Amino acid sequence: MKELFPMKQINGFVFSLLLTVAALSVYFFDMSYQLGMTVLLVTAFVQAGVQFVIFMHAGESKEKGTIYSTLFYGVFLALAAILGSLLTLVWDMM
């Protein structure tokens, strides 16, 4: 019966709730802008990783290398687009 109980998903859910409480603490404790953004970014990326690995079952298939490399490639493209836009529009470097 123990193998039928989804303990991994329950632990992921509880961890997601704790990360949400940590993100909400930015508002309730009136943190500075730099500290608040750091807490929000870290909790957002960790929670996205938890969701991806636990609830989307990314590491459970035979093609997990392909899944992770596609994920890292997508993150690289997103960061390149964001930094390229900042360089061009905000920092006027082109």
PDB file of N, CA and C in Angstrom:
ATOM      1  N   MET A   1       0.812  -1.194   0.000  1.00  0.00           N
ATOM      2  CA  MET A   1       0.000   0.000   0.000  1.00  0.00           C
ATOM      3  C   MET A   1       0.863   1.269   0.000  1.00  0.00           C
ATOM      4  N   LYS A   2       2.058   1.161   0.575  1.00  0.00           N
ATOM      5  CA  LYS A   2       2.932   2.325   0.664  1.00  0.00           C
ATOM      6  C   LYS A   2       3.356   2.819  -0.710  1.00  0.00           C
ATOM      7  N   GLU A   3       3.553   1.920  -1.668  1.00  0.00           N
ATOM      8  CA  GLU A   3       3.966   2.328  -3.011  1.00  0.00           C
ATOM      9  C   GLU A   3       2.855   3.037  -3.784  1.00  0.00           C
ATOM     10  N   LEU A   4       1.608   2.921  -3.333  1.00  0.00           N
ATOM     11  CA  LEU A   4       0.495   3.600  -3.993  1.00  0.00           C
ATOM     12  C   LEU A   4       0.282   5.023  -3.480  1.00  0.00           C
ATOM     13  N   PHE A   5       0.855   5.353  -2.328  1.00  0.00           N
ATOM     14  CA  PHE A   5       0.691   6.682  -1.745  1.00  0.00           C
ATOM     15  C   PHE A   5       1.662   7.654  -2.409  1.00  0.00           C
ATOM     16  N   PRO A   6       1.193   8.772  -2.952  1.00  0.00           N
ATOM     17  CA  PRO A   6       2.064   9.691  -3.705  1.00  0.00           C
ATOM     18  C   PRO A   6       2.866  10.628  -2.792  1.00  0.00           C
ATOM     19  N   MET A   7       3.794  10.067  -2.034  1.00  0.00           N
ATOM     20  CA  MET A   7       4.559  10.871  -1.074  1.00  0.00           C
ATOM     21  C   MET A   7       5.419  11.923  -1.766  1.00  0.00           C
ATOM     22  N   LYS A   8       5.972  11.598  -2.924  1.00  0.00           N
ATOM     23  CA  LYS A   8       6.809  12.559  -3.655  1.00  0.00           C
ATOM     24  C   LYS A   8       6.000  13.795  -4.049  1.00  0.00           C
ATOM     25  N   GLN A   9       4.780  13.601  -4.513  1.00  0.00           N
ATOM     26  CA  GLN A   9       3.934  14.719  -4.910  1.00  0.00           C
ATOM     27  C   GLN A   9       3.489  15.535  -3.698  1.00  0.00           C
ATOM     28  N   ILE A  10       3.219  14.884  -2.585  1.00  0.00           N
ATOM     29  CA  ILE A  10       2.826  15.612  -1.376  1.00  0.00           C
ATOM     30  C   ILE A  10       3.984  16.450  -0.859  1.00  0.00           C
ATOM     31  N   ASN A  11       5.197  15.886  -0.859  1.00  0.00           N
ATOM     32  CA  ASN A  11       6.364  16.662  -0.458  1.00  0.00           C
ATOM     33  C   ASN A  11       6.591  17.849  -1.392  1.00  0.00           C
ATOM     34  N   GLY A  12       6.401  17.655  -2.679  1.00  0.00           N
ATOM     35  CA  GLY A  12       6.532  18.747  -3.634  1.00  0.00           C
ATOM     36  C   GLY A  12       5.495  19.827  -3.413  1.00  0.00           C
ATOM     37  N   PHE A  13       4.283  19.423  -3.086  1.00  0.00           N
ATOM     38  CA  PHE A  13       3.218  20.385  -2.810  1.00  0.00           C
ATOM     39  C   PHE A  13       3.526  21.207  -1.566  1.00  0.00           C
ATOM     40  N   VAL A  14       3.978  20.550  -0.513  1.00  0.00           N
ATOM     41  CA  VAL A  14       4.316  21.254   0.732  1.00  0.00           C
ATOM     42  C   VAL A  14       5.486  22.202   0.491  1.00  0.00           C
ATOM     43  N   PHE A  15       6.494  21.762  -0.265  1.00  0.00           N
ATOM     44  CA  PHE A  15       7.630  22.617  -0.575  1.00  0.00           C
ATOM     45  C   PHE A  15       7.195  23.818  -1.416  1.00  0.00           C
ATOM     46  N   SER A  16       6.264  23.613  -2.338  1.00  0.00           N
ATOM     47  CA  SER A  16       5.735  24.728  -3.126  1.00  0.00           C
ATOM     48  C   SER A  16       4.984  25.723  -2.237  1.00  0.00           C
ATOM     49  N   LEU A  17       4.237  25.225  -1.270  1.00  0.00           N
ATOM     50  CA  LEU A  17       3.560  26.114  -0.332  1.00  0.00           C
ATOM     51  C   LEU A  17       4.556  26.921   0.502  1.00  0.00           C
ATOM     52  N   LEU A  18       5.638  26.284   0.940  1.00  0.00           N
ATOM     53  CA  LEU A  18       6.661  26.999   1.702  1.00  0.00           C
ATOM     54  C   LEU A  18       7.340  28.068   0.855  1.00  0.00           C
ATOM     55  N   LEU A  19       7.585  27.770  -0.411  1.00  0.00           N
ATOM     56  CA  LEU A  19       8.175  28.772  -1.297  1.00  0.00           C
ATOM     57  C   LEU A  19       7.216  29.933  -1.539  1.00  0.00           C
ATOM     58  N   THR A  20       5.931  29.646  -1.599  1.00  0.00           N
ATOM     59  CA  THR A  20       4.942  30.706  -1.751  1.00  0.00           C
ATOM     60  C   THR A  20       4.902  31.588  -0.512  1.00  0.00           C
ATOM     61  N   VAL A  21       4.989  30.997   0.663  1.00  0.00           N
ATOM     62  CA  VAL A  21       5.023  31.778   1.904  1.00  0.00           C
ATOM     63  C   VAL A  21       6.286  32.638   1.942  1.00  0.00           C
ATOM     64  N   ALA A  22       7.417  32.096   1.476  1.00  0.00           N
ATOM     65  CA  ALA A  22       8.657  32.883   1.435  1.00  0.00           C
ATOM     66  C   ALA A  22       8.519  34.064   0.477  1.00  0.00           C
ATOM     67  N   ALA A  23       7.856  33.856  -0.638  1.00  0.00           N
ATOM     68  CA  ALA A  23       7.644  34.960  -1.584  1.00  0.00           C
ATOM     69  C   ALA A  23       6.679  35.996  -1.007  1.00  0.00           C
ATOM     70  N   LEU A  24       5.662  35.560  -0.294  1.00  0.00           N
ATOM     71  CA  LEU A  24       4.721  36.498   0.324  1.00  0.00           C
ATOM     72  C   LEU A  24       5.366  37.300   1.455  1.00  0.00           C
ATOM     73  N   SER A  25       6.420  36.771   2.038  1.00  0.00           N
ATOM     74  CA  SER A  25       7.097  37.489   3.116  1.00  0.00           C
ATOM     75  C   SER A  25       7.710  38.794   2.624  1.00  0.00           C
ATOM     76  N   VAL A  26       7.978  38.899   1.330  1.00  0.00           N
ATOM     77  CA  VAL A  26       8.506  40.143   0.766  1.00  0.00           C
ATOM     78  C   VAL A  26       7.505  41.272   0.996  1.00  0.00           C
ATOM     79  N   TYR A  27       6.257  40.999   0.796  1.00  0.00           N
ATOM     80  CA  TYR A  27       5.216  42.011   0.986  1.00  0.00           C
ATOM     81  C   TYR A  27       4.966  42.309   2.468  1.00  0.00           C
ATOM     82  N   PHE A  28       4.820  41.248   3.253  1.00  0.00           N
ATOM     83  CA  PHE A  28       4.432  41.439   4.645  1.00  0.00           C
ATOM     84  C   PHE A  28       5.545  42.013   5.511  1.00  0.00           C
ATOM     85  N   PHE A  29       6.813  41.756   5.179  1.00  0.00           N
ATOM     86  CA  PHE A  29       7.919  42.287   5.963  1.00  0.00           C
ATOM     87  C   PHE A  29       8.476  43.572   5.381  1.00  0.00           C
ATOM     88  N   ASP A  30       7.881  44.086   4.316  1.00  0.00           N
ATOM     89  CA  ASP A  30       8.267  45.359   3.704  1.00  0.00           C
ATOM     90  C   ASP A  30       9.785  45.425   3.469  1.00  0.00           C
ATOM     91  N   MET A  31      10.285  44.461   2.709  1.00  0.00           N
ATOM     92  CA  MET A  31      11.722  44.376   2.435  1.00  0.00           C
ATOM     93  C   MET A  31      12.145  45.453   1.441  1.00  0.00           C
ATOM     94  N   SER A  32      13.442  45.700   1.404  1.00  0.00           N
ATOM     95  CA  SER A  32      13.969  46.661   0.437  1.00  0.00           C
ATOM     96  C   SER A  32      13.796  46.097  -0.976  1.00  0.00           C
ATOM     97  N   TYR A  33      13.945  46.957  -1.956  1.00  0.00           N
ATOM     98  CA  TYR A  33      13.723  46.544  -3.343  1.00  0.00           C
ATOM     99  C   TYR A  33      14.702  45.445  -3.760  1.00  0.00           C
ATOM    100  N   GLN A  34      15.983  45.629  -3.454  1.00  0.00           N
ATOM    101  CA  GLN A  34      16.993  44.664  -3.880  1.00  0.00           C
ATOM    102  C   GLN A  34      16.786  43.309  -3.195  1.00  0.00           C
ATOM    103  N   LEU A  35      16.555  43.325  -1.902  1.00  0.00           N
ATOM    104  CA  LEU A  35      16.333  42.075  -1.184  1.00  0.00           C
ATOM    105  C   LEU A  35      15.035  41.408  -1.627  1.00  0.00           C
ATOM    106  N   GLY A  36      13.998  42.197  -1.819  1.00  0.00           N
ATOM    107  CA  GLY A  36      12.720  41.641  -2.261  1.00  0.00           C
ATOM    108  C   GLY A  36      12.815  40.993  -3.631  1.00  0.00           C
ATOM    109  N   MET A  37      13.487  41.656  -4.567  1.00  0.00           N
ATOM    110  CA  MET A  37      13.639  41.077  -5.905  1.00  0.00           C
ATOM    111  C   MET A  37      14.488  39.813  -5.872  1.00  0.00           C
ATOM    112  N   THR A  38      15.507  39.802  -5.033  1.00  0.00           N
ATOM    113  CA  THR A  38      16.335  38.603  -4.912  1.00  0.00           C
ATOM    114  C   THR A  38      15.525  37.433  -4.377  1.00  0.00           C
ATOM    115  N   VAL A  39      14.755  37.671  -3.327  1.00  0.00           N
ATOM    116  CA  VAL A  39      13.919  36.609  -2.749  1.00  0.00           C
ATOM    117  C   VAL A  39      12.897  36.131  -3.768  1.00  0.00           C
ATOM    118  N   LEU A  40      12.265  37.055  -4.471  1.00  0.00           N
ATOM    119  CA  LEU A  40      11.243  36.668  -5.456  1.00  0.00           C
ATOM    120  C   LEU A  40      11.841  35.873  -6.611  1.00  0.00           C
ATOM    121  N   LEU A  41      12.991  36.295  -7.124  1.00  0.00           N
ATOM    122  CA  LEU A  41      13.613  35.573  -8.233  1.00  0.00           C
ATOM    123  C   LEU A  41      14.061  34.176  -7.817  1.00  0.00           C
ATOM    124  N   VAL A  42      14.680  34.068  -6.658  1.00  0.00           N
ATOM    125  CA  VAL A  42      15.146  32.753  -6.206  1.00  0.00           C
ATOM    126  C   VAL A  42      13.968  31.816  -5.972  1.00  0.00           C
ATOM    127  N   THR A  43      12.943  32.298  -5.268  1.00  0.00           N
ATOM    128  CA  THR A  43      11.797  31.419  -5.011  1.00  0.00           C
ATOM    129  C   THR A  43      11.054  31.063  -6.298  1.00  0.00           C
ATOM    130  N   ALA A  44      10.998  31.982  -7.256  1.00  0.00           N
ATOM    131  CA  ALA A  44      10.316  31.685  -8.524  1.00  0.00           C
ATOM    132  C   ALA A  44      11.053  30.600  -9.307  1.00  0.00           C
ATOM    133  N   PHE A  45      12.371  30.708  -9.402  1.00  0.00           N
ATOM    134  CA  PHE A  45      13.120  29.707 -10.164  1.00  0.00           C
ATOM    135  C   PHE A  45      13.135  28.346  -9.461  1.00  0.00           C
ATOM    136  N   VAL A  46      13.240  28.356  -8.142  1.00  0.00           N
ATOM    137  CA  VAL A  46      13.207  27.080  -7.416  1.00  0.00           C
ATOM    138  C   VAL A  46      11.829  26.436  -7.548  1.00  0.00           C
ATOM    139  N   GLN A  47      10.780  27.237  -7.451  1.00  0.00           N
ATOM    140  CA  GLN A  47       9.435  26.673  -7.579  1.00  0.00           C
ATOM    141  C   GLN A  47       9.180  26.159  -8.998  1.00  0.00           C
ATOM    142  N   ALA A  48       9.691  26.851  -9.997  1.00  0.00           N
ATOM    143  CA  ALA A  48       9.548  26.360 -11.369  1.00  0.00           C
ATOM    144  C   ALA A  48      10.273  25.027 -11.535  1.00  0.00           C
ATOM    145  N   GLY A  49      11.435  24.895 -10.923  1.00  0.00           N
ATOM    146  CA  GLY A  49      12.156  23.628 -10.978  1.00  0.00           C
ATOM    147  C   GLY A  49      11.414  22.508 -10.276  1.00  0.00           C
ATOM    148  N   VAL A  50      10.840  22.808  -9.123  1.00  0.00           N
ATOM    149  CA  VAL A  50      10.053  21.800  -8.397  1.00  0.00           C
ATOM    150  C   VAL A  50       8.859  21.357  -9.232  1.00  0.00           C
ATOM    151  N   GLN A  51       8.165  22.311  -9.814  1.00  0.00           N
ATOM    152  CA  GLN A  51       7.008  21.976 -10.643  1.00  0.00           C
ATOM    153  C   GLN A  51       7.418  21.124 -11.839  1.00  0.00           C
ATOM    154  N   PHE A  52       8.529  21.484 -12.447  1.00  0.00           N
ATOM    155  CA  PHE A  52       8.980  20.776 -13.642  1.00  0.00           C
ATOM    156  C   PHE A  52       9.394  19.338 -13.323  1.00  0.00           C
ATOM    157  N   VAL A  53      10.148  19.161 -12.261  1.00  0.00           N
ATOM    158  CA  VAL A  53      10.676  17.829 -11.956  1.00  0.00           C
ATOM    159  C   VAL A  53       9.627  16.939 -11.307  1.00  0.00           C
ATOM    160  N   ILE A  54       8.907  17.457 -10.320  1.00  0.00           N
ATOM    161  CA  ILE A  54       7.995  16.593  -9.559  1.00  0.00           C
ATOM    162  C   ILE A  54       6.658  16.414 -10.254  1.00  0.00           C
ATOM    163  N   PHE A  55       6.033  17.503 -10.664  1.00  0.00           N
ATOM    164  CA  PHE A  55       4.660  17.392 -11.161  1.00  0.00           C
ATOM    165  C   PHE A  55       4.587  17.135 -12.661  1.00  0.00           C
ATOM    166  N   MET A  56       5.612  17.503 -13.410  1.00  0.00           N
ATOM    167  CA  MET A  56       5.601  17.225 -14.840  1.00  0.00           C
ATOM    168  C   MET A  56       6.412  15.971 -15.170  1.00  0.00           C
ATOM    169  N   HIS A  57       6.963  15.322 -14.144  1.00  0.00           N
ATOM    170  CA  HIS A  57       7.668  14.043 -14.275  1.00  0.00           C
ATOM    171  C   HIS A  57       8.797  14.117 -15.312  1.00  0.00           C
ATOM    172  N   ALA A  58       9.605  15.168 -15.232  1.00  0.00           N
ATOM    173  CA  ALA A  58      10.655  15.380 -16.232  1.00  0.00           C
ATOM    174  C   ALA A  58      11.752  14.330 -16.159  1.00  0.00           C
ATOM    175  N   GLY A  59      12.092  13.863 -14.984  1.00  0.00           N
ATOM    176  CA  GLY A  59      13.200  12.925 -14.858  1.00  0.00           C
ATOM    177  C   GLY A  59      12.806  11.470 -14.890  1.00  0.00           C
ATOM    178  N   GLU A  60      11.566  11.159 -15.171  1.00  0.00           N
ATOM    179  CA  GLU A  60      11.105   9.782 -15.085  1.00  0.00           C
ATOM    180  C   GLU A  60      11.074   9.040 -16.418  1.00  0.00           C
ATOM    181  N   SER A  61      11.322   9.742 -17.511  1.00  0.00           N
ATOM    182  CA  SER A  61      11.256   9.058 -18.804  1.00  0.00           C
ATOM    183  C   SER A  61      12.650   8.671 -19.270  1.00  0.00           C
ATOM    184  N   LYS A  62      12.709   7.894 -20.340  1.00  0.00           N
ATOM    185  CA  LYS A  62      13.989   7.471 -20.900  1.00  0.00           C
ATOM    186  C   LYS A  62      14.693   8.614 -21.613  1.00  0.00           C
ATOM    187  N   GLU A  63      13.949   9.641 -21.987  1.00  0.00           N
ATOM    188  CA  GLU A  63      14.502  10.762 -22.744  1.00  0.00           C
ATOM    189  C   GLU A  63      14.747  11.976 -21.857  1.00  0.00           C
ATOM    190  N   LYS A  64      15.162  11.762 -20.609  1.00  0.00           N
ATOM    191  CA  LYS A  64      15.326  12.896 -19.712  1.00  0.00           C
ATOM    192  C   LYS A  64      16.483  13.793 -20.128  1.00  0.00           C
ATOM    193  N   GLY A  65      17.491  13.271 -20.791  1.00  0.00           N
ATOM    194  CA  GLY A  65      18.576  14.103 -21.298  1.00  0.00           C
ATOM    195  C   GLY A  65      18.085  15.091 -22.339  1.00  0.00           C
ATOM    196  N   THR A  66      17.217  14.634 -23.214  1.00  0.00           N
ATOM    197  CA  THR A  66      16.634  15.506 -24.228  1.00  0.00           C
ATOM    198  C   THR A  66      15.735  16.561 -23.591  1.00  0.00           C
ATOM    199  N   ILE A  67      14.972  16.169 -22.602  1.00  0.00           N
ATOM    200  CA  ILE A  67      14.069  17.101 -21.933  1.00  0.00           C
ATOM    201  C   ILE A  67      14.857  18.202 -21.237  1.00  0.00           C
ATOM    202  N   TYR A  68      15.893  17.817 -20.494  1.00  0.00           N
ATOM    203  CA  TYR A  68      16.681  18.819 -19.771  1.00  0.00           C
ATOM    204  C   TYR A  68      17.482  19.708 -20.716  1.00  0.00           C
ATOM    205  N   SER A  69      18.031  19.140 -21.785  1.00  0.00           N
ATOM    206  CA  SER A  69      18.786  19.985 -22.723  1.00  0.00           C
ATOM    207  C   SER A  69      17.852  20.968 -23.442  1.00  0.00           C
ATOM    208  N   THR A  70      16.651  20.560 -23.755  1.00  0.00           N
ATOM    209  CA  THR A  70      15.685  21.470 -24.360  1.00  0.00           C
ATOM    210  C   THR A  70      15.292  22.571 -23.381  1.00  0.00           C
ATOM    211  N   LEU A  71      15.139  22.226 -22.119  1.00  0.00           N
ATOM    212  CA  LEU A  71      14.827  23.216 -21.096  1.00  0.00           C
ATOM    213  C   LEU A  71      15.953  24.244 -20.972  1.00  0.00           C
ATOM    214  N   PHE A  72      17.198  23.787 -20.893  1.00  0.00           N
ATOM    215  CA  PHE A  72      18.324  24.710 -20.769  1.00  0.00           C
ATOM    216  C   PHE A  72      18.480  25.570 -22.021  1.00  0.00           C
ATOM    217  N   TYR A  73      18.209  25.011 -23.178  1.00  0.00           N
ATOM    218  CA  TYR A  73      18.268  25.786 -24.413  1.00  0.00           C
ATOM    219  C   TYR A  73      17.184  26.870 -24.420  1.00  0.00           C
ATOM    220  N   GLY A  74      16.000  26.547 -23.955  1.00  0.00           N
ATOM    221  CA  GLY A  74      14.928  27.533 -23.879  1.00  0.00           C
ATOM    222  C   GLY A  74      15.246  28.649 -22.895  1.00  0.00           C
ATOM    223  N   VAL A  75      15.847  28.294 -21.752  1.00  0.00           N
ATOM    224  CA  VAL A  75      16.248  29.319 -20.782  1.00  0.00           C
ATOM    225  C   VAL A  75      17.334  30.202 -21.386  1.00  0.00           C
ATOM    226  N   PHE A  76      18.277  29.602 -22.101  1.00  0.00           N
ATOM    227  CA  PHE A  76      19.334  30.387 -22.754  1.00  0.00           C
ATOM    228  C   PHE A  76      18.743  31.356 -23.774  1.00  0.00           C
ATOM    229  N   LEU A  77      17.812  30.900 -24.589  1.00  0.00           N
ATOM    230  CA  LEU A  77      17.190  31.788 -25.573  1.00  0.00           C
ATOM    231  C   LEU A  77      16.402  32.912 -24.913  1.00  0.00           C
ATOM    232  N   ALA A  78      15.708  32.609 -23.836  1.00  0.00           N
ATOM    233  CA  ALA A  78      14.952  33.643 -23.128  1.00  0.00           C
ATOM    234  C   ALA A  78      15.893  34.686 -22.537  1.00  0.00           C
ATOM    235  N   LEU A  79      16.975  34.241 -21.917  1.00  0.00           N
ATOM    236  CA  LEU A  79      17.931  35.192 -21.349  1.00  0.00           C
ATOM    237  C   LEU A  79      18.618  36.014 -22.428  1.00  0.00           C
ATOM    238  N   ALA A  80      18.932  35.397 -23.561  1.00  0.00           N
ATOM    239  CA  ALA A  80      19.551  36.135 -24.659  1.00  0.00           C
ATOM    240  C   ALA A  80      18.595  37.188 -25.209  1.00  0.00           C
ATOM    241  N   ALA A  81      17.329  36.864 -25.316  1.00  0.00           N
ATOM    242  CA  ALA A  81      16.355  37.840 -25.809  1.00  0.00           C
ATOM    243  C   ALA A  81      16.174  38.991 -24.820  1.00  0.00           C
ATOM    244  N   ILE A  82      16.118  38.664 -23.535  1.00  0.00           N
ATOM    245  CA  ILE A  82      15.947  39.704 -22.519  1.00  0.00           C
ATOM    246  C   ILE A  82      17.172  40.609 -22.462  1.00  0.00           C
ATOM    247  N   LEU A  83      18.355  40.020 -22.407  1.00  0.00           N
ATOM    248  CA  LEU A  83      19.571  40.830 -22.337  1.00  0.00           C
ATOM    249  C   LEU A  83      19.794  41.619 -23.624  1.00  0.00           C
ATOM    250  N   GLY A  84      19.469  41.037 -24.768  1.00  0.00           N
ATOM    251  CA  GLY A  84      19.585  41.767 -26.024  1.00  0.00           C
ATOM    252  C   GLY A  84      18.647  42.953 -26.083  1.00  0.00           C
ATOM    253  N   SER A  85      17.433  42.761 -25.579  1.00  0.00           N
ATOM    254  CA  SER A  85      16.482  43.871 -25.538  1.00  0.00           C
ATOM    255  C   SER A  85      16.954  44.964 -24.588  1.00  0.00           C
ATOM    256  N   LEU A  86      17.485  44.572 -23.431  1.00  0.00           N
ATOM    257  CA  LEU A  86      17.996  45.565 -22.494  1.00  0.00           C
ATOM    258  C   LEU A  86      19.181  46.326 -23.076  1.00  0.00           C
ATOM    259  N   LEU A  87      20.072  45.611 -23.747  1.00  0.00           N
ATOM    260  CA  LEU A  87      21.224  46.279 -24.356  1.00  0.00           C
ATOM    261  C   LEU A  87      20.788  47.300 -25.393  1.00  0.00           C
ATOM    262  N   THR A  88      19.806  46.936 -26.185  1.00  0.00           N
ATOM    263  CA  THR A  88      19.373  47.812 -27.269  1.00  0.00           C
ATOM    264  C   THR A  88      18.484  48.953 -26.800  1.00  0.00           C
ATOM    265  N   LEU A  89      17.473  48.643 -26.010  1.00  0.00           N
ATOM    266  CA  LEU A  89      16.455  49.632 -25.666  1.00  0.00           C
ATOM    267  C   LEU A  89      16.794  50.486 -24.454  1.00  0.00           C
ATOM    268  N   VAL A  90      17.364  49.885 -23.433  1.00  0.00           N
ATOM    269  CA  VAL A  90      17.571  50.617 -22.193  1.00  0.00           C
ATOM    270  C   VAL A  90      18.986  51.179 -22.105  1.00  0.00           C
ATOM    271  N   TRP A  91      19.975  50.326 -22.383  1.00  0.00           N
ATOM    272  CA  TRP A  91      21.346  50.756 -22.191  1.00  0.00           C
ATOM    273  C   TRP A  91      21.938  51.387 -23.445  1.00  0.00           C
ATOM    274  N   ASP A  92      21.225  51.383 -24.566  1.00  0.00           N
ATOM    275  CA  ASP A  92      21.620  52.046 -25.814  1.00  0.00           C
ATOM    276  C   ASP A  92      23.038  51.678 -26.239  1.00  0.00           C
ATOM    277  N   MET A  93      23.299  50.370 -26.342  1.00  0.00           N
ATOM    278  CA  MET A  93      24.642  49.921 -26.668  1.00  0.00           C
ATOM    279  C   MET A  93      24.801  49.463 -28.109  1.00  0.00           C
ATOM    280  N   MET A  94      23.789  49.543 -28.909  1.00  0.00           N
ATOM    281  CA  MET A  94      23.920  49.088 -30.298  1.00  0.00           C
ATOM    282  C   MET A  94      23.964  50.272 -31.237  1.00  0.00           C
TER     283      MET A  94
END
